[in-house]
Amino acid sequence: MSFEVHKGEILGFYGLVGSGRTELVRTMLNIDKCDGGEVLLWGKPVKIDSFKTALHKYKIGYVTLYYIVQ
């Protein structure tokens, strides 16, 4: 999967339960392990070894949102 985010933008993933959106983000942030792939920032590979590194060093975060329609 590939996407591009510009300064000041926020990227969100939307989809049905089971579509893989949560797994994608958790893997990208090294919360869950994966077999391959890389994360590029500004065109260069980065090593995200923990969620803390992602948040503090690269300003990448993970927020879940549940909205219940009544």
C-alpha atoms as a PDB file:
ATOM      1  CA  MET A   1       0.000   0.000   0.000  1.00  0.00           C
ATOM      2  CA  SER A   2       1.205   3.465  -0.780  1.00  0.00           C
ATOM      3  CA  PHE A   3      -0.076   6.921   0.142  1.00  0.00           C
ATOM      4  CA  GLU A   4       1.218  10.462   0.354  1.00  0.00           C
ATOM      5  CA  VAL A   5       0.496  13.001   3.095  1.00  0.00           C
ATOM      6  CA  HIS A   6       1.524  16.648   2.893  1.00  0.00           C
ATOM      7  CA  LYS A   7       2.438  19.000   5.725  1.00  0.00           C
ATOM      8  CA  GLY A   8      -0.610  19.933   7.783  1.00  0.00           C
ATOM      9  CA  GLU A   9      -2.728  17.044   6.479  1.00  0.00           C
ATOM     10  CA  ILE A  10      -4.182  14.205   8.510  1.00  0.00           C
ATOM     11  CA  LEU A  11      -4.606  10.782   6.929  1.00  0.00           C
ATOM     12  CA  GLY A  12      -7.398   8.518   8.117  1.00  0.00           C
ATOM     13  CA  PHE A  13      -8.404   5.003   7.140  1.00  0.00           C
ATOM     14  CA  TYR A  14     -12.026   4.046   6.807  1.00  0.00           C
ATOM     15  CA  GLY A  15     -13.560   0.683   6.110  1.00  0.00           C
ATOM     16  CA  LEU A  16     -15.727  -2.163   7.256  1.00  0.00           C
ATOM     17  CA  VAL A  17     -14.806  -4.400  10.157  1.00  0.00           C
ATOM     18  CA  GLY A  18     -12.302  -6.947   8.879  1.00  0.00           C
ATOM     19  CA  SER A  19     -11.064  -4.818   5.971  1.00  0.00           C
ATOM     20  CA  GLY A  20      -7.537  -4.559   7.423  1.00  0.00           C
ATOM     21  CA  ARG A  21      -7.388  -0.865   8.266  1.00  0.00           C
ATOM     22  CA  THR A  22      -6.429  -1.398  11.911  1.00  0.00           C
ATOM     23  CA  GLU A  23      -3.881  -4.074  11.028  1.00  0.00           C
ATOM     24  CA  LEU A  24      -2.270  -1.788   8.428  1.00  0.00           C
ATOM     25  CA  VAL A  25      -1.693   1.040  10.893  1.00  0.00           C
ATOM     26  CA  ARG A  26      -0.625  -1.238  13.774  1.00  0.00           C
ATOM     27  CA  THR A  27       1.914  -2.921  11.483  1.00  0.00           C
ATOM     28  CA  MET A  28       3.181   0.379  10.085  1.00  0.00           C
ATOM     29  CA  LEU A  29       3.804   1.626  13.643  1.00  0.00           C
ATOM     30  CA  ASN A  30       5.489  -1.650  14.680  1.00  0.00           C
ATOM     31  CA  ILE A  31       2.782  -2.392  17.242  1.00  0.00           C
ATOM     32  CA  ASP A  32       2.268  -5.687  15.365  1.00  0.00           C
ATOM     33  CA  LYS A  33       5.079  -7.443  13.472  1.00  0.00           C
ATOM     34  CA  CYS A  34       5.137  -8.100   9.718  1.00  0.00           C
ATOM     35  CA  ASP A  35       7.233 -10.145   7.291  1.00  0.00           C
ATOM     36  CA  GLY A  36       8.322  -7.347   4.964  1.00  0.00           C
ATOM     37  CA  GLY A  37       7.874  -3.845   3.631  1.00  0.00           C
ATOM     38  CA  GLU A  38       9.161  -0.477   4.706  1.00  0.00           C
ATOM     39  CA  VAL A  39       7.989   2.922   5.835  1.00  0.00           C
ATOM     40  CA  LEU A  40       9.335   5.897   3.896  1.00  0.00           C
ATOM     41  CA  LEU A  41       9.293   9.458   5.168  1.00  0.00           C
ATOM     42  CA  TRP A  42      10.435  12.234   2.855  1.00  0.00           C
ATOM     43  CA  GLY A  43      11.460   9.494   0.417  1.00  0.00           C
ATOM     44  CA  LYS A  44      13.836   7.793   2.841  1.00  0.00           C
ATOM     45  CA  PRO A  45      13.314   4.557   4.787  1.00  0.00           C
ATOM     46  CA  VAL A  46      12.826   4.959   8.533  1.00  0.00           C
ATOM     47  CA  LYS A  47      13.108   2.414  11.314  1.00  0.00           C
ATOM     48  CA  ILE A  48      10.104   2.579  13.610  1.00  0.00           C
ATOM     49  CA  ASP A  49      10.978   0.272  16.489  1.00  0.00           C
ATOM     50  CA  SER A  50       8.134   1.316  18.778  1.00  0.00           C
ATOM     51  CA  PHE A  51       4.992   3.400  18.895  1.00  0.00           C
ATOM     52  CA  LYS A  52       6.894   5.893  21.059  1.00  0.00           C
ATOM     53  CA  THR A  53       9.499   6.353  18.307  1.00  0.00           C
ATOM     54  CA  ALA A  54       6.771   6.821  15.689  1.00  0.00           C
ATOM     55  CA  LEU A  55       5.020   9.457  17.770  1.00  0.00           C
ATOM     56  CA  HIS A  56       7.930  11.457  19.145  1.00  0.00           C
ATOM     57  CA  LYS A  57      10.538  11.197  16.400  1.00  0.00           C
ATOM     58  CA  TYR A  58       8.360  11.043  13.264  1.00  0.00           C
ATOM     59  CA  LYS A  59       5.082  12.606  14.511  1.00  0.00           C
ATOM     60  CA  ILE A  60       3.056   9.554  13.425  1.00  0.00           C
ATOM     61  CA  GLY A  61       0.222   8.581  15.750  1.00  0.00           C
ATOM     62  CA  TYR A  62      -2.647   6.185  16.045  1.00  0.00           C
ATOM     63  CA  VAL A  63      -6.097   7.159  17.291  1.00  0.00           C
ATOM     64  CA  THR A  64      -9.135   4.914  17.167  1.00  0.00           C
ATOM     65  CA  LEU A  65     -12.609   6.305  16.840  1.00  0.00           C
ATOM     66  CA  TYR A  66     -15.833   4.431  17.317  1.00  0.00           C
ATOM     67  CA  TYR A  67     -19.044   6.116  16.313  1.00  0.00           C
ATOM     68  CA  ILE A  68     -22.363   4.465  17.070  1.00  0.00           C
ATOM     69  CA  VAL A  69     -25.356   5.484  14.981  1.00  0.00           C
ATOM     70  CA  GLN A  70     -28.630   5.352  16.862  1.00  0.00           C
END
